[in-house]
Amino acid sequence: MPTPPAPPAPPRPVTVGRFPEMGTFWTAANVLSLSRAVLVVPIAKLVYDGGPIGWMFALIGLAIATDWFDGRVARWSGTVSEWGKVLDATADKLAAAAVTVALLVRPPEAGPSLPLWFVVLAVSRDVLLAAGGLVQTRRLGRFTSSLWSGKVAVAALAATVVAALLAARPPVLDALVGLTAAAMAVSIVKYGLRFVAIVRHGPAALHADGNTLCPEHRVGGRGGGGR
């Protein structure tokens, strides 16, 4: 009688209630993310001074290139790590904060500025997402991916910054500021709903993709109550 096949090995348990293993820090991909954080300083200075516009956009293009390559280098080299996710997101948030603050405080002769309330909203959003991300990472035992609402808000912010750097006409810049503020507000709500569901229900709040909320665990849904 043939020997029955061995049962499949059970899946590795996900450790929750603690931060995940971060992996190797010094990798080529992580150095790219760190270099983007370093580029924030000269970029912010050029934005504050209003140029030279060629150097400004050259450094911005270099920073965008590091953002495009870091994840791909990590996958190509097999060095994807939790450190990479943290450094990538941190570099992006530092760049957004530095450039928007520089556009707020730069002198009038350097070009159009962004309104104070808009910069406060942009910086506060990133601070809230970073703090909430730490809490939900500890709850899940891993990091979560960005939501589409967040990606739209970041793209809208980038368009607004470019318009200010290119000295767009006031009606155009004002329209972009309003649209970006609305996108950021929507993203804060979306991230907040996911945060509340994760804090209440832990990993059970998310679909198998590890990012999308299960309908029964959405705030106000049938499973909206805490356990």
N, C-alpha and C. Protein backbone atom coordinates (compact mmCIF):
# COMPACT_ATOMS: atom_id res chain seq x y z
N MET A 1 0.85 -1.20 0.00
CA MET A 1 0.00 0.00 0.00
C MET A 1 0.88 1.25 0.00
N PRO A 2 0.66 2.16 -0.93
CA PRO A 2 1.54 3.34 -1.00
C PRO A 2 1.43 4.20 0.24
N THR A 3 2.54 4.81 0.56
CA THR A 3 2.56 5.71 1.72
C THR A 3 1.83 6.99 1.40
N PRO A 4 0.88 7.37 2.22
CA PRO A 4 0.14 8.62 1.95
C PRO A 4 1.08 9.82 2.00
N PRO A 5 0.81 10.82 1.16
CA PRO A 5 1.68 12.01 1.17
C PRO A 5 1.61 12.73 2.50
N ALA A 6 2.72 13.32 2.84
CA ALA A 6 2.76 14.07 4.10
C ALA A 6 1.87 15.29 4.01
N PRO A 7 1.21 15.66 5.08
CA PRO A 7 0.35 16.85 5.05
C PRO A 7 1.19 18.09 4.82
N PRO A 8 0.60 19.10 4.15
CA PRO A 8 1.36 20.34 3.91
C PRO A 8 1.75 21.01 5.21
N ALA A 9 2.90 21.64 5.18
CA ALA A 9 3.36 22.35 6.37
C ALA A 9 2.43 23.52 6.66
N PRO A 10 2.12 23.73 7.93
CA PRO A 10 1.24 24.85 8.26
C PRO A 10 1.92 26.17 7.93
N PRO A 11 1.15 27.20 7.58
CA PRO A 11 1.75 28.51 7.28
C PRO A 11 2.44 29.08 8.50
N ARG A 12 3.49 29.84 8.24
CA ARG A 12 4.22 30.47 9.36
C ARG A 12 3.31 31.49 10.04
N PRO A 13 3.22 31.44 11.34
CA PRO A 13 2.36 32.39 12.03
C PRO A 13 2.89 33.81 11.91
N VAL A 14 1.97 34.74 11.81
CA VAL A 14 2.34 36.16 11.79
C VAL A 14 2.36 36.67 13.22
N THR A 15 3.50 37.23 13.60
CA THR A 15 3.63 37.75 14.96
C THR A 15 2.96 39.10 15.04
N VAL A 16 1.97 39.23 15.89
CA VAL A 16 1.29 40.50 16.06
C VAL A 16 1.58 41.04 17.45
N GLY A 17 1.28 42.33 17.64
CA GLY A 17 1.53 42.94 18.93
C GLY A 17 2.98 43.37 19.12
N ARG A 18 3.77 43.37 18.03
CA ARG A 18 5.15 43.82 18.11
C ARG A 18 5.57 44.28 16.72
N PHE A 19 6.69 45.01 16.66
CA PHE A 19 7.18 45.46 15.37
C PHE A 19 7.83 44.30 14.63
N PRO A 20 7.77 44.31 13.29
CA PRO A 20 8.35 43.20 12.52
C PRO A 20 9.87 43.24 12.53
N GLU A 21 10.46 42.12 12.12
CA GLU A 21 11.91 42.10 11.91
C GLU A 21 12.24 43.05 10.76
N MET A 22 13.20 43.95 10.99
CA MET A 22 13.44 45.02 10.02
C MET A 22 14.35 44.61 8.88
N GLY A 23 15.15 43.57 9.05
CA GLY A 23 16.05 43.15 7.99
C GLY A 23 17.34 43.97 7.97
N THR A 24 18.08 43.87 6.87
CA THR A 24 19.37 44.54 6.74
C THR A 24 19.19 46.02 6.43
N PHE A 25 19.93 46.85 7.14
CA PHE A 25 19.82 48.30 6.94
C PHE A 25 20.65 48.76 5.74
N TRP A 26 21.94 48.38 5.72
CA TRP A 26 22.84 48.90 4.69
C TRP A 26 22.76 48.06 3.43
N THR A 27 21.84 48.43 2.55
CA THR A 27 21.72 47.81 1.24
C THR A 27 21.76 48.92 0.19
N ALA A 28 22.00 48.53 -1.07
CA ALA A 28 22.05 49.54 -2.13
C ALA A 28 20.73 50.29 -2.24
N ALA A 29 19.62 49.57 -2.11
CA ALA A 29 18.31 50.21 -2.22
C ALA A 29 18.10 51.22 -1.09
N ASN A 30 18.50 50.85 0.12
CA ASN A 30 18.31 51.77 1.25
C ASN A 30 19.22 52.99 1.13
N VAL A 31 20.41 52.81 0.55
CA VAL A 31 21.29 53.96 0.33
C VAL A 31 20.64 54.94 -0.65
N LEU A 32 19.94 54.43 -1.65
CA LEU A 32 19.22 55.31 -2.57
C LEU A 32 18.16 56.12 -1.82
N SER A 33 17.41 55.46 -0.92
CA SER A 33 16.40 56.18 -0.14
C SER A 33 17.05 57.22 0.76
N LEU A 34 18.17 56.87 1.38
CA LEU A 34 18.88 57.83 2.23
C LEU A 34 19.41 59.01 1.42
N SER A 35 19.87 58.73 0.20
CA SER A 35 20.38 59.83 -0.63
C SER A 35 19.27 60.80 -0.98
N ARG A 36 18.04 60.29 -1.12
CA ARG A 36 16.92 61.18 -1.39
C ARG A 36 16.67 62.10 -0.20
N ALA A 37 16.82 61.56 1.01
CA ALA A 37 16.65 62.40 2.20
C ALA A 37 17.73 63.48 2.25
N VAL A 38 18.95 63.14 1.85
CA VAL A 38 20.04 64.12 1.84
C VAL A 38 19.78 65.21 0.81
N LEU A 39 19.21 64.84 -0.34
CA LEU A 39 18.94 65.81 -1.41
C LEU A 39 17.90 66.84 -0.99
N VAL A 40 17.14 66.54 0.05
CA VAL A 40 16.10 67.47 0.51
C VAL A 40 16.70 68.82 0.88
N VAL A 41 17.89 68.82 1.47
CA VAL A 41 18.49 70.08 1.95
C VAL A 41 18.79 71.04 0.80
N PRO A 42 19.58 70.64 -0.21
CA PRO A 42 19.82 71.60 -1.31
C PRO A 42 18.57 71.94 -2.10
N ILE A 43 17.65 71.00 -2.24
CA ILE A 43 16.42 71.29 -2.97
C ILE A 43 15.62 72.37 -2.25
N ALA A 44 15.47 72.21 -0.93
CA ALA A 44 14.71 73.21 -0.15
C ALA A 44 15.38 74.58 -0.23
N LYS A 45 16.72 74.60 -0.20
CA LYS A 45 17.43 75.88 -0.29
C LYS A 45 17.19 76.54 -1.65
N LEU A 46 17.23 75.77 -2.72
CA LEU A 46 16.99 76.33 -4.05
C LEU A 46 15.55 76.81 -4.19
N VAL A 47 14.60 76.07 -3.61
CA VAL A 47 13.20 76.49 -3.65
C VAL A 47 13.04 77.82 -2.90
N TYR A 48 13.68 77.92 -1.75
CA TYR A 48 13.59 79.16 -0.96
C TYR A 48 14.17 80.35 -1.74
N ASP A 49 15.29 80.10 -2.42
CA ASP A 49 15.97 81.17 -3.17
C ASP A 49 15.30 81.47 -4.51
N GLY A 50 14.43 80.58 -4.97
CA GLY A 50 13.80 80.76 -6.27
C GLY A 50 14.68 80.37 -7.43
N GLY A 51 15.65 79.51 -7.20
CA GLY A 51 16.50 79.03 -8.30
C GLY A 51 17.96 79.00 -7.92
N PRO A 52 18.82 78.78 -8.89
CA PRO A 52 18.55 78.66 -10.33
C PRO A 52 17.60 77.51 -10.67
N ILE A 53 16.68 77.78 -11.58
CA ILE A 53 15.62 76.84 -11.87
C ILE A 53 16.16 75.54 -12.47
N GLY A 54 17.25 75.65 -13.25
CA GLY A 54 17.83 74.46 -13.85
C GLY A 54 18.37 73.50 -12.81
N TRP A 55 19.15 74.02 -11.87
CA TRP A 55 19.68 73.18 -10.79
C TRP A 55 18.56 72.63 -9.92
N MET A 56 17.55 73.45 -9.68
CA MET A 56 16.43 73.02 -8.84
C MET A 56 15.76 71.78 -9.43
N PHE A 57 15.40 71.86 -10.70
CA PHE A 57 14.69 70.75 -11.31
C PHE A 57 15.62 69.56 -11.59
N ALA A 58 16.91 69.83 -11.76
CA ALA A 58 17.85 68.72 -11.91
C ALA A 58 17.92 67.89 -10.63
N LEU A 59 17.99 68.57 -9.48
CA LEU A 59 18.03 67.85 -8.21
C LEU A 59 16.69 67.18 -7.90
N ILE A 60 15.60 67.86 -8.25
CA ILE A 60 14.28 67.23 -8.05
C ILE A 60 14.18 65.98 -8.92
N GLY A 61 14.65 66.06 -10.17
CA GLY A 61 14.63 64.89 -11.04
C GLY A 61 15.48 63.76 -10.49
N LEU A 62 16.64 64.10 -9.90
CA LEU A 62 17.49 63.08 -9.30
C LEU A 62 16.79 62.42 -8.11
N ALA A 63 16.11 63.22 -7.30
CA ALA A 63 15.37 62.66 -6.17
C ALA A 63 14.26 61.74 -6.64
N ILE A 64 13.55 62.14 -7.69
CA ILE A 64 12.49 61.29 -8.25
C ILE A 64 13.08 59.98 -8.77
N ALA A 65 14.27 60.06 -9.38
CA ALA A 65 14.92 58.85 -9.90
C ALA A 65 15.25 57.88 -8.76
N THR A 66 15.75 58.40 -7.64
CA THR A 66 16.04 57.50 -6.51
C THR A 66 14.76 56.85 -5.98
N ASP A 67 13.65 57.60 -6.02
CA ASP A 67 12.37 57.04 -5.58
C ASP A 67 11.91 55.94 -6.51
N TRP A 68 12.18 56.09 -7.80
CA TRP A 68 11.78 55.09 -8.79
C TRP A 68 12.65 53.84 -8.69
N PHE A 69 13.95 54.04 -8.42
CA PHE A 69 14.88 52.92 -8.47
C PHE A 69 14.99 52.14 -7.16
N ASP A 70 14.76 52.78 -6.00
CA ASP A 70 15.08 52.09 -4.75
C ASP A 70 14.31 50.78 -4.59
N GLY A 71 12.99 50.82 -4.84
CA GLY A 71 12.21 49.59 -4.72
C GLY A 71 12.60 48.54 -5.75
N ARG A 72 12.89 49.00 -6.96
CA ARG A 72 13.28 48.05 -8.01
C ARG A 72 14.63 47.41 -7.72
N VAL A 73 15.57 48.21 -7.22
CA VAL A 73 16.88 47.66 -6.87
C VAL A 73 16.73 46.63 -5.74
N ALA A 74 15.85 46.93 -4.78
CA ALA A 74 15.63 45.98 -3.68
C ALA A 74 15.08 44.65 -4.21
N ARG A 75 14.14 44.71 -5.15
CA ARG A 75 13.58 43.47 -5.71
C ARG A 75 14.59 42.74 -6.59
N TRP A 76 15.33 43.48 -7.41
CA TRP A 76 16.32 42.85 -8.29
C TRP A 76 17.42 42.15 -7.48
N SER A 77 17.81 42.78 -6.36
CA SER A 77 18.92 42.23 -5.58
C SER A 77 18.47 41.31 -4.45
N GLY A 78 17.15 41.13 -4.32
CA GLY A 78 16.64 40.26 -3.25
C GLY A 78 16.88 40.81 -1.87
N THR A 79 16.88 42.15 -1.74
CA THR A 79 17.15 42.77 -0.43
C THR A 79 15.96 43.58 0.06
N VAL A 80 14.75 43.18 -0.33
CA VAL A 80 13.56 43.86 0.17
C VAL A 80 13.51 43.70 1.69
N SER A 81 13.29 44.77 2.41
CA SER A 81 13.27 44.72 3.87
C SER A 81 12.27 45.73 4.42
N GLU A 82 11.95 45.56 5.68
CA GLU A 82 11.08 46.53 6.34
C GLU A 82 11.79 47.88 6.49
N TRP A 83 13.11 47.85 6.63
CA TRP A 83 13.86 49.10 6.68
C TRP A 83 13.64 49.90 5.40
N GLY A 84 13.63 49.21 4.27
CA GLY A 84 13.42 49.89 3.00
C GLY A 84 12.09 50.61 2.95
N LYS A 85 11.04 49.96 3.45
CA LYS A 85 9.72 50.57 3.45
C LYS A 85 9.71 51.83 4.33
N VAL A 86 10.37 51.75 5.48
CA VAL A 86 10.41 52.89 6.39
C VAL A 86 11.21 54.04 5.80
N LEU A 87 12.39 53.74 5.27
CA LEU A 87 13.25 54.79 4.72
C LEU A 87 12.62 55.45 3.51
N ASP A 88 11.98 54.66 2.64
CA ASP A 88 11.33 55.21 1.45
C ASP A 88 10.23 56.19 1.83
N ALA A 89 9.36 55.77 2.75
CA ALA A 89 8.26 56.65 3.17
C ALA A 89 8.77 57.87 3.91
N THR A 90 9.80 57.70 4.76
CA THR A 90 10.34 58.83 5.52
C THR A 90 10.98 59.85 4.60
N ALA A 91 11.74 59.38 3.61
CA ALA A 91 12.37 60.31 2.67
C ALA A 91 11.32 61.10 1.90
N ASP A 92 10.24 60.44 1.50
CA ASP A 92 9.16 61.13 0.78
C ASP A 92 8.52 62.20 1.64
N LYS A 93 8.26 61.86 2.90
CA LYS A 93 7.60 62.82 3.80
C LYS A 93 8.52 64.00 4.13
N LEU A 94 9.82 63.74 4.31
CA LEU A 94 10.76 64.82 4.56
C LEU A 94 10.83 65.77 3.36
N ALA A 95 10.84 65.20 2.16
CA ALA A 95 10.90 66.03 0.96
C ALA A 95 9.66 66.90 0.83
N ALA A 96 8.50 66.31 1.05
CA ALA A 96 7.25 67.07 0.94
C ALA A 96 7.21 68.20 1.97
N ALA A 97 7.60 67.89 3.22
CA ALA A 97 7.56 68.91 4.27
C ALA A 97 8.56 70.03 3.98
N ALA A 98 9.78 69.68 3.58
CA ALA A 98 10.81 70.69 3.36
C ALA A 98 10.44 71.62 2.22
N VAL A 99 9.94 71.06 1.12
CA VAL A 99 9.63 71.89 -0.05
C VAL A 99 8.41 72.77 0.22
N THR A 100 7.37 72.22 0.85
CA THR A 100 6.19 73.05 1.12
C THR A 100 6.49 74.16 2.13
N VAL A 101 7.31 73.87 3.14
CA VAL A 101 7.68 74.91 4.10
C VAL A 101 8.53 75.98 3.42
N ALA A 102 9.45 75.55 2.53
CA ALA A 102 10.26 76.52 1.80
C ALA A 102 9.37 77.41 0.92
N LEU A 103 8.33 76.84 0.33
CA LEU A 103 7.40 77.62 -0.49
C LEU A 103 6.53 78.54 0.37
N LEU A 104 6.40 78.24 1.63
CA LEU A 104 5.64 79.10 2.54
C LEU A 104 6.45 80.32 2.96
N VAL A 105 7.71 80.11 3.32
CA VAL A 105 8.49 81.17 3.97
C VAL A 105 9.39 81.93 3.02
N ARG A 106 9.49 81.52 1.75
CA ARG A 106 10.43 82.21 0.86
C ARG A 106 9.99 83.64 0.59
N PRO A 107 10.93 84.52 0.30
CA PRO A 107 10.58 85.94 0.06
C PRO A 107 9.77 86.11 -1.22
N PRO A 108 8.99 87.17 -1.32
CA PRO A 108 8.14 87.38 -2.50
C PRO A 108 8.90 87.40 -3.81
N GLU A 109 10.13 87.93 -3.79
CA GLU A 109 10.88 88.02 -5.04
C GLU A 109 11.32 86.64 -5.56
N ALA A 110 11.24 85.61 -4.72
CA ALA A 110 11.64 84.26 -5.15
C ALA A 110 10.54 83.57 -5.94
N GLY A 111 9.29 84.09 -5.86
CA GLY A 111 8.20 83.47 -6.61
C GLY A 111 6.97 83.29 -5.74
N PRO A 112 5.91 82.68 -6.28
CA PRO A 112 4.67 82.48 -5.52
C PRO A 112 4.90 81.62 -4.28
N SER A 113 4.12 81.89 -3.25
CA SER A 113 4.19 81.12 -2.01
C SER A 113 2.91 80.31 -1.84
N LEU A 114 2.98 79.32 -0.95
CA LEU A 114 1.81 78.54 -0.59
C LEU A 114 1.22 79.10 0.70
N PRO A 115 -0.11 79.05 0.86
CA PRO A 115 -0.73 79.60 2.08
C PRO A 115 -0.39 78.77 3.31
N LEU A 116 -0.37 79.43 4.46
CA LEU A 116 0.00 78.79 5.72
C LEU A 116 -0.92 77.60 6.03
N TRP A 117 -2.25 77.79 5.87
CA TRP A 117 -3.17 76.71 6.23
C TRP A 117 -2.93 75.46 5.39
N PHE A 118 -2.53 75.66 4.13
CA PHE A 118 -2.28 74.53 3.23
C PHE A 118 -1.04 73.76 3.67
N VAL A 119 0.02 74.49 4.01
CA VAL A 119 1.25 73.82 4.46
C VAL A 119 1.03 73.11 5.79
N VAL A 120 0.29 73.74 6.68
CA VAL A 120 -0.03 73.08 7.96
C VAL A 120 -0.81 71.79 7.71
N LEU A 121 -1.77 71.82 6.79
CA LEU A 121 -2.53 70.62 6.47
C LEU A 121 -1.63 69.53 5.91
N ALA A 122 -0.74 69.89 4.97
CA ALA A 122 0.14 68.90 4.34
C ALA A 122 1.09 68.26 5.35
N VAL A 123 1.71 69.10 6.20
CA VAL A 123 2.66 68.57 7.18
C VAL A 123 1.93 67.77 8.26
N SER A 124 0.78 68.28 8.72
CA SER A 124 0.02 67.58 9.75
C SER A 124 -0.45 66.21 9.26
N ARG A 125 -0.85 66.15 7.99
CA ARG A 125 -1.28 64.87 7.43
C ARG A 125 -0.16 63.84 7.49
N ASP A 126 1.04 64.25 7.09
CA ASP A 126 2.16 63.31 7.10
C ASP A 126 2.53 62.89 8.53
N VAL A 127 2.46 63.83 9.47
CA VAL A 127 2.75 63.49 10.87
C VAL A 127 1.72 62.49 11.40
N LEU A 128 0.45 62.73 11.10
CA LEU A 128 -0.60 61.82 11.54
C LEU A 128 -0.43 60.43 10.93
N LEU A 129 -0.11 60.37 9.63
CA LEU A 129 0.05 59.08 8.98
C LEU A 129 1.26 58.33 9.54
N ALA A 130 2.34 59.07 9.84
CA ALA A 130 3.53 58.42 10.39
C ALA A 130 3.25 57.87 11.79
N ALA A 131 2.60 58.68 12.64
CA ALA A 131 2.31 58.22 14.00
C ALA A 131 1.31 57.07 13.99
N GLY A 132 0.24 57.21 13.18
CA GLY A 132 -0.74 56.13 13.09
C GLY A 132 -0.14 54.87 12.51
N GLY A 133 0.79 55.04 11.55
CA GLY A 133 1.44 53.87 10.96
C GLY A 133 2.24 53.08 11.97
N LEU A 134 2.90 53.76 12.90
CA LEU A 134 3.65 53.05 13.95
C LEU A 134 2.72 52.22 14.82
N VAL A 135 1.57 52.82 15.18
CA VAL A 135 0.62 52.11 16.05
C VAL A 135 0.06 50.89 15.34
N GLN A 136 -0.38 51.04 14.09
CA GLN A 136 -1.00 49.91 13.41
C GLN A 136 0.03 48.86 12.99
N THR A 137 1.29 49.28 12.79
CA THR A 137 2.33 48.30 12.51
C THR A 137 2.55 47.39 13.70
N ARG A 138 2.57 47.98 14.89
CA ARG A 138 2.71 47.16 16.10
C ARG A 138 1.49 46.25 16.28
N ARG A 139 0.31 46.73 15.92
CA ARG A 139 -0.91 45.93 16.06
C ARG A 139 -0.90 44.75 15.08
N LEU A 140 -0.39 44.98 13.86
CA LEU A 140 -0.40 43.93 12.83
C LEU A 140 0.85 43.08 12.83
N GLY A 141 1.96 43.63 13.30
CA GLY A 141 3.23 42.93 13.19
C GLY A 141 3.88 43.09 11.84
N ARG A 142 3.43 44.04 11.05
CA ARG A 142 3.99 44.31 9.72
C ARG A 142 3.52 45.69 9.27
N PHE A 143 4.15 46.17 8.21
CA PHE A 143 3.77 47.46 7.65
C PHE A 143 2.67 47.28 6.60
N THR A 144 1.86 48.29 6.44
CA THR A 144 0.80 48.26 5.44
C THR A 144 1.19 49.12 4.24
N SER A 145 0.50 48.90 3.12
CA SER A 145 0.77 49.64 1.90
C SER A 145 -0.02 50.94 1.87
N SER A 146 0.38 51.83 0.97
CA SER A 146 -0.34 53.09 0.80
C SER A 146 -1.70 52.84 0.16
N LEU A 147 -2.67 53.66 0.53
CA LEU A 147 -3.98 53.61 -0.09
C LEU A 147 -3.98 54.48 -1.35
N TRP A 148 -4.92 54.17 -2.26
CA TRP A 148 -5.00 54.95 -3.49
C TRP A 148 -5.32 56.41 -3.21
N SER A 149 -6.12 56.66 -2.17
CA SER A 149 -6.43 58.05 -1.83
C SER A 149 -5.17 58.81 -1.43
N GLY A 150 -4.24 58.11 -0.77
CA GLY A 150 -2.98 58.73 -0.41
C GLY A 150 -2.11 59.02 -1.62
N LYS A 151 -2.09 58.09 -2.57
CA LYS A 151 -1.30 58.29 -3.79
C LYS A 151 -1.84 59.47 -4.61
N VAL A 152 -3.17 59.59 -4.66
CA VAL A 152 -3.78 60.71 -5.37
C VAL A 152 -3.41 62.03 -4.70
N ALA A 153 -3.45 62.05 -3.36
CA ALA A 153 -3.11 63.27 -2.63
C ALA A 153 -1.66 63.67 -2.86
N VAL A 154 -0.76 62.69 -2.88
CA VAL A 154 0.67 62.98 -3.12
C VAL A 154 0.88 63.50 -4.54
N ALA A 155 0.21 62.90 -5.51
CA ALA A 155 0.32 63.37 -6.89
C ALA A 155 -0.21 64.80 -7.03
N ALA A 156 -1.32 65.09 -6.37
CA ALA A 156 -1.89 66.44 -6.43
C ALA A 156 -0.96 67.44 -5.77
N LEU A 157 -0.34 67.06 -4.65
CA LEU A 157 0.61 67.95 -3.97
C LEU A 157 1.81 68.22 -4.86
N ALA A 158 2.30 67.19 -5.55
CA ALA A 158 3.44 67.38 -6.46
C ALA A 158 3.07 68.36 -7.56
N ALA A 159 1.86 68.24 -8.12
CA ALA A 159 1.43 69.15 -9.18
C ALA A 159 1.35 70.58 -8.66
N THR A 160 0.86 70.76 -7.43
CA THR A 160 0.77 72.10 -6.85
C THR A 160 2.15 72.70 -6.63
N VAL A 161 3.08 71.90 -6.14
CA VAL A 161 4.45 72.37 -5.92
C VAL A 161 5.09 72.79 -7.24
N VAL A 162 4.95 71.97 -8.26
CA VAL A 162 5.53 72.30 -9.57
C VAL A 162 4.91 73.59 -10.11
N ALA A 163 3.61 73.76 -9.94
CA ALA A 163 2.95 74.98 -10.41
C ALA A 163 3.51 76.20 -9.70
N ALA A 164 3.75 76.08 -8.39
CA ALA A 164 4.32 77.21 -7.64
C ALA A 164 5.75 77.49 -8.10
N LEU A 165 6.53 76.44 -8.34
CA LEU A 165 7.91 76.62 -8.77
C LEU A 165 7.99 77.27 -10.15
N LEU A 166 7.00 76.99 -10.99
CA LEU A 166 6.98 77.55 -12.34
C LEU A 166 6.21 78.87 -12.40
N ALA A 167 5.86 79.41 -11.22
CA ALA A 167 5.18 80.71 -11.13
C ALA A 167 3.88 80.71 -11.91
N ALA A 168 3.04 79.71 -11.67
CA ALA A 168 1.74 79.63 -12.33
C ALA A 168 0.89 80.84 -11.96
N ARG A 169 -0.05 81.18 -12.83
CA ARG A 169 -0.95 82.30 -12.56
C ARG A 169 -1.76 82.02 -11.30
N PRO A 170 -2.08 83.05 -10.51
CA PRO A 170 -2.80 82.85 -9.24
C PRO A 170 -4.07 82.01 -9.35
N PRO A 171 -4.95 82.21 -10.36
CA PRO A 171 -6.15 81.36 -10.41
C PRO A 171 -5.81 79.88 -10.56
N VAL A 172 -4.77 79.57 -11.34
CA VAL A 172 -4.37 78.17 -11.53
C VAL A 172 -3.83 77.60 -10.22
N LEU A 173 -2.95 78.34 -9.58
CA LEU A 173 -2.35 77.88 -8.33
C LEU A 173 -3.41 77.73 -7.24
N ASP A 174 -4.33 78.69 -7.16
CA ASP A 174 -5.40 78.62 -6.16
C ASP A 174 -6.28 77.39 -6.39
N ALA A 175 -6.58 77.09 -7.65
CA ALA A 175 -7.41 75.92 -7.95
C ALA A 175 -6.69 74.63 -7.54
N LEU A 176 -5.39 74.54 -7.83
CA LEU A 176 -4.62 73.36 -7.45
C LEU A 176 -4.53 73.21 -5.94
N VAL A 177 -4.35 74.33 -5.25
CA VAL A 177 -4.31 74.28 -3.78
C VAL A 177 -5.62 73.74 -3.22
N GLY A 178 -6.75 74.21 -3.75
CA GLY A 178 -8.04 73.73 -3.27
C GLY A 178 -8.26 72.26 -3.56
N LEU A 179 -7.93 71.82 -4.78
CA LEU A 179 -8.11 70.41 -5.14
C LEU A 179 -7.20 69.52 -4.31
N THR A 180 -5.96 69.95 -4.10
CA THR A 180 -5.03 69.15 -3.31
C THR A 180 -5.47 69.07 -1.86
N ALA A 181 -5.96 70.17 -1.32
CA ALA A 181 -6.45 70.15 0.06
C ALA A 181 -7.61 69.17 0.21
N ALA A 182 -8.51 69.15 -0.78
CA ALA A 182 -9.63 68.20 -0.74
C ALA A 182 -9.12 66.76 -0.80
N ALA A 183 -8.14 66.51 -1.69
CA ALA A 183 -7.58 65.16 -1.80
C ALA A 183 -6.90 64.74 -0.51
N MET A 184 -6.19 65.65 0.13
CA MET A 184 -5.53 65.33 1.39
C MET A 184 -6.55 65.04 2.49
N ALA A 185 -7.63 65.83 2.51
CA ALA A 185 -8.67 65.60 3.52
C ALA A 185 -9.31 64.23 3.35
N VAL A 186 -9.61 63.86 2.10
CA VAL A 186 -10.19 62.54 1.83
C VAL A 186 -9.24 61.44 2.27
N SER A 187 -7.94 61.60 1.98
CA SER A 187 -6.98 60.58 2.35
C SER A 187 -6.85 60.44 3.86
N ILE A 188 -6.95 61.56 4.58
CA ILE A 188 -6.89 61.49 6.05
C ILE A 188 -8.07 60.66 6.58
N VAL A 189 -9.25 60.88 6.01
CA VAL A 189 -10.43 60.12 6.42
C VAL A 189 -10.24 58.63 6.11
N LYS A 190 -9.77 58.32 4.90
CA LYS A 190 -9.59 56.93 4.49
C LYS A 190 -8.58 56.21 5.37
N TYR A 191 -7.44 56.86 5.60
CA TYR A 191 -6.43 56.26 6.46
C TYR A 191 -6.94 56.14 7.89
N GLY A 192 -7.70 57.13 8.33
CA GLY A 192 -8.25 57.08 9.68
C GLY A 192 -9.20 55.91 9.87
N LEU A 193 -10.06 55.66 8.87
CA LEU A 193 -10.98 54.53 8.96
C LEU A 193 -10.23 53.20 9.01
N ARG A 194 -9.18 53.08 8.19
CA ARG A 194 -8.39 51.85 8.22
C ARG A 194 -7.69 51.69 9.57
N PHE A 195 -7.18 52.80 10.09
CA PHE A 195 -6.49 52.77 11.38
C PHE A 195 -7.41 52.28 12.49
N VAL A 196 -8.62 52.85 12.54
CA VAL A 196 -9.57 52.46 13.59
C VAL A 196 -9.91 50.97 13.48
N ALA A 197 -10.15 50.50 12.25
CA ALA A 197 -10.50 49.09 12.06
C ALA A 197 -9.35 48.18 12.47
N ILE A 198 -8.11 48.55 12.16
CA ILE A 198 -6.96 47.72 12.53
C ILE A 198 -6.77 47.70 14.03
N VAL A 199 -6.92 48.85 14.67
CA VAL A 199 -6.77 48.89 16.12
C VAL A 199 -7.84 48.03 16.80
N ARG A 200 -9.05 48.04 16.26
CA ARG A 200 -10.14 47.26 16.85
C ARG A 200 -10.01 45.76 16.60
N HIS A 201 -9.68 45.40 15.35
CA HIS A 201 -9.79 44.00 14.95
C HIS A 201 -8.46 43.35 14.58
N GLY A 202 -7.38 44.11 14.52
CA GLY A 202 -6.10 43.53 14.18
C GLY A 202 -6.06 43.03 12.74
N PRO A 203 -5.30 41.94 12.46
CA PRO A 203 -5.18 41.42 11.09
C PRO A 203 -6.51 41.03 10.47
N ALA A 204 -7.52 40.68 11.30
CA ALA A 204 -8.82 40.27 10.77
C ALA A 204 -9.53 41.41 10.06
N ALA A 205 -9.07 42.64 10.25
CA ALA A 205 -9.73 43.79 9.62
C ALA A 205 -9.41 43.88 8.13
N LEU A 206 -8.39 43.15 7.67
CA LEU A 206 -7.93 43.31 6.29
C LEU A 206 -8.17 42.06 5.47
N HIS A 207 -8.39 42.27 4.14
CA HIS A 207 -8.50 41.18 3.20
C HIS A 207 -7.17 40.45 3.07
N ALA A 208 -7.17 39.39 2.26
CA ALA A 208 -5.96 38.60 2.05
C ALA A 208 -4.83 39.43 1.45
N ASP A 209 -5.16 40.53 0.74
CA ASP A 209 -4.10 41.36 0.17
C ASP A 209 -3.36 42.16 1.24
N GLY A 210 -3.87 42.11 2.48
CA GLY A 210 -3.19 42.77 3.58
C GLY A 210 -3.32 44.27 3.59
N ASN A 211 -4.22 44.82 2.77
CA ASN A 211 -4.31 46.27 2.65
C ASN A 211 -5.75 46.77 2.65
N THR A 212 -6.66 46.01 1.99
CA THR A 212 -8.05 46.45 1.84
C THR A 212 -8.87 46.01 3.05
N LEU A 213 -9.71 46.94 3.53
CA LEU A 213 -10.55 46.62 4.68
C LEU A 213 -11.65 45.63 4.31
N CYS A 214 -11.90 44.65 5.19
CA CYS A 214 -13.05 43.76 5.02
C CYS A 214 -14.32 44.56 5.30
N PRO A 215 -15.38 44.37 4.51
CA PRO A 215 -16.61 45.15 4.71
C PRO A 215 -17.17 45.05 6.12
N GLU A 216 -17.09 43.85 6.71
CA GLU A 216 -17.69 43.67 8.04
C GLU A 216 -16.91 44.38 9.14
N HIS A 217 -15.67 44.85 8.83
CA HIS A 217 -14.88 45.53 9.85
C HIS A 217 -14.70 47.01 9.55
N ARG A 218 -15.44 47.52 8.58
CA ARG A 218 -15.39 48.96 8.35
C ARG A 218 -16.15 49.68 9.45
N VAL A 219 -15.67 50.86 9.79
CA VAL A 219 -16.33 51.64 10.84
C VAL A 219 -17.76 51.94 10.42
N GLY A 220 -18.71 51.60 11.28
CA GLY A 220 -20.11 51.83 10.99
C GLY A 220 -20.76 50.65 10.29
N GLY A 221 -19.94 49.63 9.94
CA GLY A 221 -20.48 48.43 9.27
C GLY A 221 -21.04 47.47 10.29
N ARG A 222 -21.36 46.25 9.81
CA ARG A 222 -21.97 45.27 10.71
C ARG A 222 -21.03 44.82 11.79
N GLY A 223 -19.72 44.88 11.47
CA GLY A 223 -18.76 44.47 12.48
C GLY A 223 -18.07 45.65 13.13
N GLY A 224 -18.74 46.81 13.13
CA GLY A 224 -18.10 48.03 13.59
C GLY A 224 -17.76 48.04 15.05
N GLY A 225 -18.41 47.23 15.88
CA GLY A 225 -18.12 47.25 17.30
C GLY A 225 -16.82 46.59 17.62
N GLY A 226 -16.17 47.01 18.69
CA GLY A 226 -14.92 46.41 19.11
C GLY A 226 -15.16 45.06 19.74
N ARG A 227 -14.10 44.22 19.79
CA ARG A 227 -14.20 42.92 20.39
C ARG A 227 -14.08 43.01 21.90
